Amino acid sequence: MTFGGSSPASSVEPVYLTCMTVADINAYGLVIGGSLVIILSYFANLLAKRTNIPSVLVLIGMGIALREGLNAIGLTSIPFESLVLELLGTIGLIFIVLEAALELDLTRDKMPLIVKSATMALLALLGSSAAIAAFLNMSMGIPTFEGWVYAIPLSIMSSAIIIPSVGGLSPASREFMVYESTFSDIFGIMAFYLLLGNQDAVSGAEVAKSVVGNLLGTLLISVVVAYLMVYVLQKIESGVRLFLSIAVLLLIYAIQKLFHLSPLILILIFGLMLNNHKLFFPDWLGITNGWPGKLLKDDRMKALHHDFHVLTLESAFVIRTFFFVLFGMTVSLSVFLNLEVLLQGLIISVLLYVVRLLLLWFMKQEPLSPLLYIAPRGLITVLLFFALESQYSNLVQTGFDQGILLVVILTTSLVMTAALISKGSGLQPVPEHDLESLPEAPRATNMALGTRKESAPIPDINSEEMPAPEADESTPTSPG
């Protein structure tokens, strides 16, 4: 699959320095190449912290450079590209939803924030998708259903970019953005696959019946399986329980997918149970060590949650790295010379900001700036477009140039960067915190560096008891 042209190579015919074929690739070459990509990705993220350039752009640029380098030595195609992308896409979606679920604290004091951010994410997804689908229909003649299929991925905010970037905002704004981007990921992925699962429906009633039946069946299976997995996992004392649980999740995910269910609900419920086990396993009637709370041991659940949190962070870093590099390798440089594609991508970006502005005003979420401009598109958008190309080729529209996707990603990322820098906050990651402590405040995940981040609480200026400021020479200065 190529983004922005008919060939992954640029419009300029490359000069082959050495004739190389797929047969010349061996296991050691793949190991060396993969290792170098991960190492360069890590340093690219360090560079991004100092230059205020989102690491996504650095990874895409790395992929473009790698593609041109491979063209120069005569390797013009990626072996098993579709299979690799489909496999990475499936695993990537599972880890992204699991990571998002591990970030959600379902506590009473957080419920107003959760409801508000979830409502904002859902309305933004629906409003943006409707606007983009209408634009695609009017400008490219894409049918309504296919227009929504293309619009939903473009309407999903990227928590992979947002969460590491909002450390310089106020605590209220930062928490809102963390939760909103997390819900945007979850709602967007579920809406995309629910829509595709009903492409053969002939009426609205049939769609509603199918969706309700799908959700109820999936929910029942997911709740039962999640309860069993959480109970069994905290009983296992072997050191291999993490990958055992991942294997079970992948197995059940694949089986549910074969039966056209919504397997991501299982991943979501499992992650929520790990992060909020006391809510799902309460002590009924207020009895200490009552059932079903006595089924779980609190210390083991905390250790299990910590281990899963680290596993998802590290895995997300690797998946994110290879996906954006592969995305860069499929980009044709000719897209930057196509004025029509540039204009269409910019119009879609403007529609995203208009819908967001109206919703922020309606929800009375302040301040409008820079929250209005923190709406980048990234990993989920790319994942779903890859899935559309590889798994649902019957819905692919030739009138939609994939270069539009690149324009939207670049535009929204650069707008966010400019907005944060202009407000003086820069692209600051949330201050580092010890991985072993898991407080109840929302954990802002820095997927770029594969480490968990969290900010220190800011004292209330209206409080009579103000702690004296403490000098800390070890505190790093803000980048940018």
Protein backbone atom coordinates (compact mmCIF):
# COMPACT_ATOMS: atom_id res chain seq x y z
CA MET A 1 0.00 0.00 0.00
CA THR A 2 1.25 3.41 -0.96
CA PHE A 3 0.36 6.77 0.55
CA GLY A 4 0.30 9.61 -1.93
CA GLY A 5 1.17 7.89 -5.21
CA SER A 6 1.23 4.74 -7.23
CA SER A 7 4.72 3.79 -6.17
CA PRO A 8 6.47 3.90 -2.80
CA ALA A 9 9.45 5.43 -4.52
CA SER A 10 9.66 9.10 -5.28
CA SER A 11 8.86 10.46 -8.74
CA VAL A 12 12.56 10.64 -9.50
CA GLU A 13 13.92 7.38 -10.88
CA PRO A 14 16.54 6.14 -8.37
CA VAL A 15 20.06 5.26 -9.39
CA TYR A 16 20.77 1.72 -8.21
CA LEU A 17 24.16 1.53 -6.55
CA THR A 18 23.92 -2.21 -6.04
CA CYS A 19 21.36 -4.65 -7.40
CA MET A 20 19.76 -6.22 -4.33
CA THR A 21 16.84 -8.66 -4.17
CA VAL A 22 14.71 -10.19 -1.43
CA ALA A 23 16.87 -13.33 -1.62
CA ASP A 24 19.83 -11.29 -0.33
CA ILE A 25 18.05 -10.56 2.96
CA ASN A 26 18.96 -12.85 5.85
CA ALA A 27 17.97 -13.12 9.51
CA TYR A 28 21.01 -11.19 10.74
CA GLY A 29 20.27 -8.33 8.38
CA LEU A 30 16.71 -8.11 9.70
CA VAL A 31 17.93 -8.18 13.31
CA ILE A 32 20.46 -5.43 12.62
CA GLY A 33 17.92 -3.32 10.76
CA GLY A 34 15.21 -3.72 13.41
CA SER A 35 17.62 -2.95 16.24
CA LEU A 36 18.91 0.18 14.51
CA VAL A 37 15.34 1.41 13.93
CA ILE A 38 14.48 1.05 17.64
CA ILE A 39 17.74 2.71 18.75
CA LEU A 40 17.29 5.59 16.33
CA SER A 41 13.68 5.95 17.45
CA TYR A 42 14.79 6.35 21.06
CA PHE A 43 17.29 9.06 20.16
CA ALA A 44 14.70 10.67 17.89
CA ASN A 45 12.44 11.03 20.91
CA LEU A 46 15.25 12.60 22.92
CA LEU A 47 15.82 15.00 20.04
CA ALA A 48 12.10 15.75 19.89
CA LYS A 49 12.12 16.82 23.55
CA ARG A 50 14.80 19.42 22.82
CA THR A 51 13.55 20.68 19.46
CA ASN A 52 9.79 20.61 20.22
CA ILE A 53 9.19 18.59 17.04
CA PRO A 54 6.77 15.67 17.62
CA SER A 55 8.64 12.39 17.38
CA VAL A 56 5.95 11.14 14.98
CA LEU A 57 7.31 13.47 12.32
CA VAL A 58 10.84 12.26 12.99
CA LEU A 59 9.77 8.62 12.59
CA ILE A 60 7.90 9.33 9.35
CA GLY A 61 10.97 11.15 8.03
CA MET A 62 13.10 8.17 9.03
CA GLY A 63 10.81 5.88 7.04
CA ILE A 64 10.97 8.12 3.97
CA ALA A 65 14.78 8.20 4.16
CA LEU A 66 14.91 4.42 4.63
CA ARG A 67 12.66 3.90 1.60
CA GLU A 68 14.88 6.07 -0.57
CA GLY A 69 17.95 4.20 0.69
CA LEU A 70 16.43 0.83 -0.17
CA ASN A 71 15.45 2.14 -3.60
CA ALA A 72 19.05 3.20 -4.17
CA ILE A 73 20.31 -0.36 -3.65
CA GLY A 74 17.59 -1.89 -5.82
CA LEU A 75 15.18 -3.19 -3.16
CA THR A 76 11.96 -1.55 -4.34
CA SER A 77 9.41 -3.69 -2.46
CA ILE A 78 8.89 -4.71 1.16
CA PRO A 79 8.62 -8.52 1.53
CA PHE A 80 5.26 -9.67 2.99
CA GLU A 81 4.24 -6.05 3.53
CA SER A 82 0.50 -6.73 3.84
CA LEU A 83 0.95 -9.65 6.24
CA VAL A 84 3.40 -7.76 8.46
CA LEU A 85 1.19 -4.69 8.60
CA GLU A 86 -1.93 -6.74 9.38
CA LEU A 87 -0.13 -8.62 12.17
CA LEU A 88 1.36 -5.47 13.67
CA GLY A 89 -1.98 -3.73 13.33
CA THR A 90 -3.85 -6.42 15.25
CA ILE A 91 -1.31 -6.57 18.08
CA GLY A 92 -1.01 -2.80 18.08
CA LEU A 93 -4.75 -2.27 18.56
CA ILE A 94 -4.81 -4.73 21.46
CA PHE A 95 -1.93 -3.05 23.28
CA ILE A 96 -3.26 0.46 22.63
CA VAL A 97 -6.72 -0.32 24.02
CA LEU A 98 -5.19 -2.22 26.96
CA GLU A 99 -2.86 0.67 27.73
CA ALA A 100 -5.76 3.13 27.55
CA ALA A 101 -7.85 1.00 29.93
CA LEU A 102 -4.97 0.82 32.41
CA GLU A 103 -5.03 4.64 32.54
CA LEU A 104 -8.68 4.98 33.58
CA ASP A 105 -9.33 5.34 37.31
CA LEU A 106 -13.04 4.72 37.94
CA THR A 107 -13.24 6.60 41.25
CA ARG A 108 -16.13 8.72 42.52
CA ASP A 109 -14.18 11.99 42.51
CA LYS A 110 -13.08 11.38 38.91
CA MET A 111 -16.55 10.58 37.56
CA PRO A 112 -17.46 14.18 36.53
CA LEU A 113 -14.18 14.43 34.61
CA ILE A 114 -14.66 10.98 33.07
CA VAL A 115 -18.23 11.74 31.96
CA LYS A 116 -17.30 15.15 30.54
CA SER A 117 -14.23 13.93 28.66
CA ALA A 118 -16.03 10.81 27.38
CA THR A 119 -18.94 12.94 26.14
CA MET A 120 -16.54 15.33 24.45
CA ALA A 121 -14.65 12.47 22.78
CA LEU A 122 -17.84 10.77 21.54
CA LEU A 123 -19.44 13.97 20.21
CA ALA A 124 -16.17 15.02 18.54
CA LEU A 125 -15.88 11.60 16.90
CA LEU A 126 -19.45 11.70 15.56
CA GLY A 127 -19.39 15.37 14.56
CA SER A 128 -16.01 15.20 12.83
CA SER A 129 -16.91 11.96 11.05
CA ALA A 130 -20.18 13.44 9.77
CA ALA A 131 -18.45 16.60 8.51
CA ILE A 132 -15.61 14.70 6.81
CA ALA A 133 -17.98 12.12 5.27
CA ALA A 134 -20.08 14.95 3.81
CA PHE A 135 -16.96 16.62 2.41
CA LEU A 136 -15.72 13.37 0.86
CA ASN A 137 -19.13 12.82 -0.72
CA MET A 138 -19.33 16.32 -2.20
CA SER A 139 -15.72 16.66 -3.35
CA MET A 140 -14.82 13.10 -4.39
CA GLY A 141 -18.17 11.42 -4.92
CA ILE A 142 -17.48 8.83 -2.21
CA PRO A 143 -20.74 7.11 -1.08
CA THR A 144 -22.03 7.91 2.41
CA PHE A 145 -21.16 4.55 4.01
CA GLU A 146 -17.64 4.45 2.58
CA GLY A 147 -17.28 8.12 3.52
CA TRP A 148 -17.92 7.29 7.17
CA VAL A 149 -15.45 4.39 6.95
CA TYR A 150 -12.76 6.84 5.80
CA ALA A 151 -13.88 9.63 8.15
CA ILE A 152 -13.78 7.74 11.45
CA PRO A 153 -10.00 7.09 11.45
CA LEU A 154 -9.38 10.74 10.56
CA SER A 155 -11.59 11.79 13.50
CA ILE A 156 -9.64 9.91 16.17
CA MET A 157 -7.25 11.93 18.31
CA SER A 158 -3.84 10.38 18.96
CA SER A 159 -3.23 9.73 22.64
CA ALA A 160 0.23 8.51 21.62
CA ILE A 161 1.09 12.10 20.70
CA ILE A 162 -1.10 14.04 23.14
CA ILE A 163 -0.24 12.38 26.44
CA PRO A 164 3.54 12.99 26.27
CA SER A 165 2.95 16.58 25.15
CA VAL A 166 0.62 18.12 27.73
CA GLY A 167 2.95 18.29 30.73
CA GLY A 168 3.09 22.09 30.58
CA LEU A 169 -0.68 22.57 30.86
CA SER A 170 -2.60 23.22 34.07
CA PRO A 171 -3.55 20.08 36.04
CA ALA A 172 -7.24 20.37 35.04
CA SER A 173 -6.47 20.82 31.34
CA ARG A 174 -3.87 18.05 31.40
CA GLU A 175 -6.24 15.53 33.00
CA PHE A 176 -9.01 16.47 30.56
CA MET A 177 -6.74 15.94 27.55
CA VAL A 178 -5.42 12.62 28.87
CA TYR A 179 -8.92 11.24 29.40
CA GLU A 180 -10.37 12.72 26.20
CA SER A 181 -7.63 11.29 23.99
CA THR A 182 -7.92 7.91 25.71
CA PHE A 183 -11.68 7.76 25.14
CA SER A 184 -11.20 8.97 21.56
CA ASP A 185 -8.94 5.98 20.88
CA ILE A 186 -11.38 3.50 22.43
CA PHE A 187 -14.58 4.91 20.90
CA GLY A 188 -12.99 5.39 17.49
CA ILE A 189 -11.65 1.85 17.21
CA MET A 190 -14.94 0.31 18.34
CA ALA A 191 -17.02 2.52 16.02
CA PHE A 192 -14.79 1.69 13.05
CA TYR A 193 -15.15 -2.07 13.43
CA LEU A 194 -18.85 -1.91 14.34
CA LEU A 195 -19.45 0.05 11.13
CA LEU A 196 -17.49 -2.42 9.02
CA GLY A 197 -19.32 -5.33 10.63
CA ASN A 198 -22.63 -3.96 9.32
CA GLN A 199 -21.66 -3.10 5.76
CA ASP A 200 -24.17 -5.61 4.37
CA ALA A 201 -27.14 -4.33 6.39
CA VAL A 202 -30.08 -3.13 4.28
CA SER A 203 -31.94 -1.00 6.86
CA GLY A 204 -31.35 1.07 9.95
CA ALA A 205 -33.37 -1.37 12.06
CA GLU A 206 -31.15 -4.23 10.92
CA VAL A 207 -28.04 -2.24 11.81
CA ALA A 208 -29.42 -1.40 15.26
CA LYS A 209 -30.38 -5.03 15.89
CA SER A 210 -26.97 -6.25 14.77
CA VAL A 211 -25.08 -3.69 16.86
CA VAL A 212 -27.12 -4.35 20.02
CA GLY A 213 -26.82 -8.12 19.63
CA ASN A 214 -23.11 -7.85 18.90
CA LEU A 215 -22.46 -5.65 21.92
CA LEU A 216 -24.55 -7.74 24.34
CA GLY A 217 -22.98 -11.01 23.23
CA THR A 218 -19.48 -9.58 23.32
CA LEU A 219 -20.09 -7.90 26.68
CA LEU A 220 -21.32 -11.11 28.29
CA ILE A 221 -18.37 -13.15 27.02
CA SER A 222 -15.88 -10.40 27.85
CA VAL A 223 -17.07 -9.93 31.45
CA VAL A 224 -16.92 -13.67 32.19
CA VAL A 225 -13.51 -14.12 30.56
CA ALA A 226 -12.06 -10.98 32.18
CA TYR A 227 -13.19 -12.03 35.68
CA LEU A 228 -11.68 -15.50 35.19
CA MET A 229 -8.41 -14.12 33.83
CA VAL A 230 -7.94 -11.59 36.64
CA TYR A 231 -8.69 -14.22 39.28
CA VAL A 232 -6.40 -16.85 37.75
CA LEU A 233 -3.53 -14.45 36.98
CA GLN A 234 -3.20 -13.20 40.55
CA LYS A 235 -3.03 -16.83 41.66
CA ILE A 236 -0.15 -17.68 39.33
CA GLU A 237 3.24 -17.30 40.98
CA SER A 238 5.27 -18.18 37.88
CA GLY A 239 7.26 -15.40 36.25
CA VAL A 240 5.74 -16.05 32.81
CA ARG A 241 2.18 -15.00 33.62
CA LEU A 242 2.32 -11.76 31.61
CA PHE A 243 2.98 -13.33 28.22
CA LEU A 244 0.66 -16.18 29.13
CA SER A 245 -2.14 -13.67 29.65
CA ILE A 246 -1.25 -11.83 26.43
CA ALA A 247 -1.41 -15.15 24.56
CA VAL A 248 -4.85 -15.87 26.05
CA LEU A 249 -6.06 -12.38 25.11
CA LEU A 250 -4.79 -12.79 21.54
CA LEU A 251 -6.44 -16.21 21.27
CA ILE A 252 -9.82 -15.02 22.51
CA TYR A 253 -9.53 -11.85 20.41
CA ALA A 254 -8.96 -13.90 17.25
CA ILE A 255 -11.82 -16.32 18.06
CA GLN A 256 -14.26 -13.47 18.71
CA LYS A 257 -13.11 -11.80 15.49
CA LEU A 258 -13.87 -14.96 13.53
CA PHE A 259 -17.43 -14.88 14.93
CA HIS A 260 -17.76 -11.19 13.96
CA LEU A 261 -17.99 -9.95 17.56
CA SER A 262 -16.29 -6.88 19.06
CA PRO A 263 -13.25 -8.38 20.80
CA LEU A 264 -11.75 -5.03 21.81
CA ILE A 265 -14.44 -4.84 24.52
CA LEU A 266 -12.73 -7.79 26.22
CA ILE A 267 -9.40 -5.95 26.21
CA LEU A 268 -11.08 -2.83 27.59
CA ILE A 269 -12.88 -4.64 30.44
CA PHE A 270 -9.78 -6.65 31.34
CA GLY A 271 -7.69 -3.48 31.60
CA LEU A 272 -10.35 -1.70 33.66
CA MET A 273 -10.48 -4.64 36.08
CA LEU A 274 -6.71 -4.60 36.52
CA ASN A 275 -6.70 -0.88 37.29
CA ASN A 276 -9.89 -0.86 39.39
CA HIS A 277 -9.98 -4.32 40.94
CA LYS A 278 -11.62 -3.14 44.18
CA LEU A 279 -14.55 -1.77 42.17
CA PHE A 280 -15.10 -5.03 40.28
CA PHE A 281 -14.32 -7.25 43.29
CA PRO A 282 -15.97 -5.32 46.17
CA ASP A 283 -16.55 -6.43 49.75
CA TRP A 284 -20.31 -6.77 49.64
CA LEU A 285 -22.40 -5.62 52.63
CA GLY A 286 -19.36 -3.73 53.89
CA ILE A 287 -17.87 -6.86 55.40
CA THR A 288 -14.09 -6.85 55.59
CA ASN A 289 -12.62 -9.64 53.46
CA GLY A 290 -16.13 -10.36 52.21
CA TRP A 291 -17.00 -12.05 48.93
CA PRO A 292 -16.00 -11.45 46.13
CA GLY A 293 -13.31 -9.10 47.46
CA LYS A 294 -11.62 -11.93 49.31
CA LEU A 295 -10.94 -13.68 46.01
CA LEU A 296 -8.15 -11.23 45.27
CA LYS A 297 -5.03 -10.28 47.18
CA ASP A 298 -4.40 -6.55 47.05
CA ASP A 299 -0.60 -6.75 47.00
CA ARG A 300 -0.60 -9.23 44.11
CA MET A 301 -3.07 -7.13 42.14
CA LYS A 302 -0.90 -4.03 42.55
CA ALA A 303 2.14 -5.96 41.34
CA LEU A 304 0.15 -7.41 38.43
CA HIS A 305 -1.10 -3.97 37.41
CA HIS A 306 2.42 -2.55 37.60
CA ASP A 307 3.82 -5.37 35.44
CA PHE A 308 1.11 -4.98 32.81
CA HIS A 309 1.59 -1.23 32.78
CA VAL A 310 5.30 -1.57 32.04
CA LEU A 311 4.65 -4.30 29.44
CA THR A 312 2.12 -2.20 27.54
CA LEU A 313 4.38 0.86 27.62
CA GLU A 314 7.39 -0.98 26.24
CA SER A 315 5.29 -2.79 23.64
CA ALA A 316 3.55 0.42 22.58
CA PHE A 317 6.93 2.08 22.05
CA VAL A 318 8.09 -0.71 19.72
CA ILE A 319 4.79 -0.92 17.81
CA ARG A 320 4.61 2.84 17.48
CA THR A 321 8.18 2.97 16.17
CA PHE A 322 7.76 0.35 13.45
CA PHE A 323 4.34 1.57 12.37
CA PHE A 324 5.36 5.15 11.75
CA VAL A 325 8.60 4.06 10.07
CA LEU A 326 6.62 1.69 7.82
CA PHE A 327 4.14 4.48 7.19
CA GLY A 328 7.01 6.71 6.08
CA MET A 329 8.27 3.96 3.80
CA THR A 330 4.90 3.85 2.02
CA VAL A 331 4.77 7.62 1.48
CA SER A 332 5.43 9.00 -1.98
CA LEU A 333 7.28 12.31 -1.94
CA SER A 334 5.18 13.42 -4.91
CA VAL A 335 2.30 14.10 -2.50
CA PHE A 336 3.95 17.39 -1.54
CA LEU A 337 3.72 18.53 -5.17
CA ASN A 338 0.03 17.68 -5.56
CA LEU A 339 -1.87 20.89 -4.79
CA GLU A 340 -5.26 19.14 -4.88
CA VAL A 341 -4.20 16.62 -2.23
CA LEU A 342 -2.70 19.38 -0.07
CA LEU A 343 -5.91 21.43 -0.31
CA GLN A 344 -8.14 18.45 0.54
CA GLY A 345 -5.98 17.55 3.53
CA LEU A 346 -6.05 21.14 4.79
CA ILE A 347 -9.85 21.36 4.41
CA ILE A 348 -10.29 18.17 6.45
CA SER A 349 -7.97 19.60 9.12
CA VAL A 350 -10.03 22.81 9.25
CA LEU A 351 -13.24 20.77 9.65
CA LEU A 352 -11.68 18.96 12.60
CA TYR A 353 -10.86 22.25 14.34
CA VAL A 354 -14.28 23.80 13.60
CA VAL A 355 -16.11 20.84 15.15
CA ARG A 356 -13.74 20.88 18.13
CA LEU A 357 -14.24 24.62 18.65
CA LEU A 358 -18.03 24.26 18.72
CA LEU A 359 -17.88 21.35 21.16
CA LEU A 360 -15.42 23.05 23.52
CA TRP A 361 -17.73 26.06 23.57
CA PHE A 362 -20.81 23.87 24.10
CA MET A 363 -19.12 21.87 26.89
CA LYS A 364 -17.81 25.12 28.44
CA GLN A 365 -14.34 23.64 28.64
CA GLU A 366 -11.73 26.34 29.20
CA PRO A 367 -9.30 27.62 28.20
CA LEU A 368 -10.13 27.31 24.49
CA SER A 369 -6.48 27.92 23.65
CA PRO A 370 -4.45 25.75 23.50
CA LEU A 371 -7.05 22.96 24.03
CA LEU A 372 -8.59 23.75 20.63
CA TYR A 373 -5.32 23.03 18.83
CA ILE A 374 -4.34 19.88 20.74
CA ALA A 375 -6.00 17.45 18.32
CA PRO A 376 -3.25 15.58 16.43
CA ARG A 377 -3.91 12.49 14.37
CA GLY A 378 -1.42 9.65 14.48
CA LEU A 379 -1.02 5.99 15.35
CA ILE A 380 -4.67 4.87 15.48
CA THR A 381 -5.44 6.70 12.24
CA VAL A 382 -2.60 4.92 10.45
CA LEU A 383 -3.49 1.54 12.00
CA LEU A 384 -7.11 1.71 10.85
CA PHE A 385 -6.19 2.83 7.33
CA PHE A 386 -3.78 -0.09 7.06
CA ALA A 387 -6.56 -2.42 8.28
CA LEU A 388 -8.96 -0.97 5.71
CA GLU A 389 -6.50 -1.54 2.87
CA SER A 390 -5.55 -5.08 3.88
CA GLN A 391 -8.78 -6.53 5.30
CA TYR A 392 -11.60 -4.60 3.59
CA SER A 393 -10.28 -3.98 0.09
CA ASN A 394 -13.84 -4.00 -1.29
CA LEU A 395 -14.44 -0.66 0.45
CA VAL A 396 -11.28 1.05 -0.82
CA GLN A 397 -12.10 4.19 -2.81
CA THR A 398 -9.76 5.09 -5.66
CA GLY A 399 -10.92 8.69 -5.48
CA PHE A 400 -9.34 9.10 -2.04
CA ASP A 401 -5.61 9.81 -2.33
CA GLN A 402 -3.80 8.33 0.66
CA GLY A 403 -1.53 11.36 0.66
CA ILE A 404 -4.42 13.22 2.32
CA LEU A 405 -3.76 11.13 5.42
CA LEU A 406 -0.16 12.33 5.56
CA VAL A 407 -1.23 15.96 5.12
CA VAL A 408 -3.74 15.71 8.00
CA ILE A 409 -1.20 14.08 10.32
CA LEU A 410 1.49 16.66 9.53
CA THR A 411 -0.92 19.61 9.77
CA THR A 412 -2.49 18.65 13.10
CA SER A 413 0.89 17.80 14.64
CA LEU A 414 2.48 21.08 13.56
CA VAL A 415 -0.55 23.12 14.72
CA MET A 416 -0.37 21.48 18.16
CA THR A 417 3.37 22.17 18.35
CA ALA A 418 2.93 25.83 17.44
CA ALA A 419 0.06 26.28 19.91
CA LEU A 420 1.93 24.78 22.85
CA ILE A 421 5.08 26.76 22.11
CA SER A 422 3.13 30.02 21.69
CA LYS A 423 1.51 29.48 25.09
CA GLY A 424 4.94 29.03 26.62
CA SER A 425 4.34 25.42 27.66
CA GLY A 426 6.38 23.75 24.95
CA LEU A 427 6.15 20.02 24.40
CA GLN A 428 6.94 19.13 27.98
CA PRO A 429 6.57 15.52 29.01
CA VAL A 430 4.85 15.07 32.35
CA PRO A 431 7.52 15.01 35.12
CA GLU A 432 9.01 11.64 35.84
CA HIS A 433 7.69 9.54 38.68
CA ASP A 434 8.75 6.27 40.22
CA LEU A 435 7.24 3.37 38.29
CA GLU A 436 6.66 1.37 41.44
CA SER A 437 4.23 3.89 42.94
CA LEU A 438 0.78 3.89 41.42
CA PRO A 439 -1.24 6.81 42.87
CA GLU A 440 -4.89 7.35 42.03
CA ALA A 441 -4.35 10.41 39.88
CA PRO A 442 -4.48 9.81 36.13
CA ARG A 443 -1.21 8.44 34.89
CA ALA A 444 -0.08 10.34 31.83
CA THR A 445 1.73 7.83 29.72
CA ASN A 446 4.76 8.87 27.73
CA MET A 447 4.55 6.37 24.91
CA ALA A 448 7.34 8.12 23.11
CA LEU A 449 9.92 7.11 25.68
CA GLY A 450 8.23 3.98 26.94
CA THR A 451 8.07 5.28 30.51
CA ARG A 452 5.18 6.30 32.73
CA LYS A 453 4.96 9.96 33.56
CA GLU A 454 3.05 11.90 36.17
CA SER A 455 2.98 15.44 37.44
CA ALA A 456 3.31 16.61 40.99
CA PRO A 457 0.13 18.20 42.45
CA ILE A 458 -0.07 21.97 42.30
CA PRO A 459 -1.23 23.64 45.56
CA ASP A 460 -4.52 25.53 45.63
CA ILE A 461 -3.81 29.28 45.64
CA ASN A 462 -7.05 29.88 47.58
CA SER A 463 -5.99 27.65 50.42
CA GLU A 464 -4.84 29.21 53.66
CA GLU A 465 -2.09 26.67 54.03
CA MET A 466 0.40 27.22 51.28
CA PRO A 467 3.51 25.06 51.35
CA ALA A 468 6.76 26.93 51.08
CA PRO A 469 8.50 26.57 47.74
CA GLU A 470 11.37 24.16 47.77
CA ALA A 471 14.43 24.54 45.66
CA ASP A 472 15.28 21.45 43.71
CA GLU A 473 18.47 21.67 41.75
CA SER A 474 17.78 18.31 40.13
CA THR A 475 14.59 19.51 38.46
CA PRO A 476 15.27 19.76 34.72
CA THR A 477 14.46 22.93 32.86
CA SER A 478 11.50 22.90 30.49
CA PRO A 479 12.41 22.19 26.88
CA GLY A 480 11.69 24.84 24.32
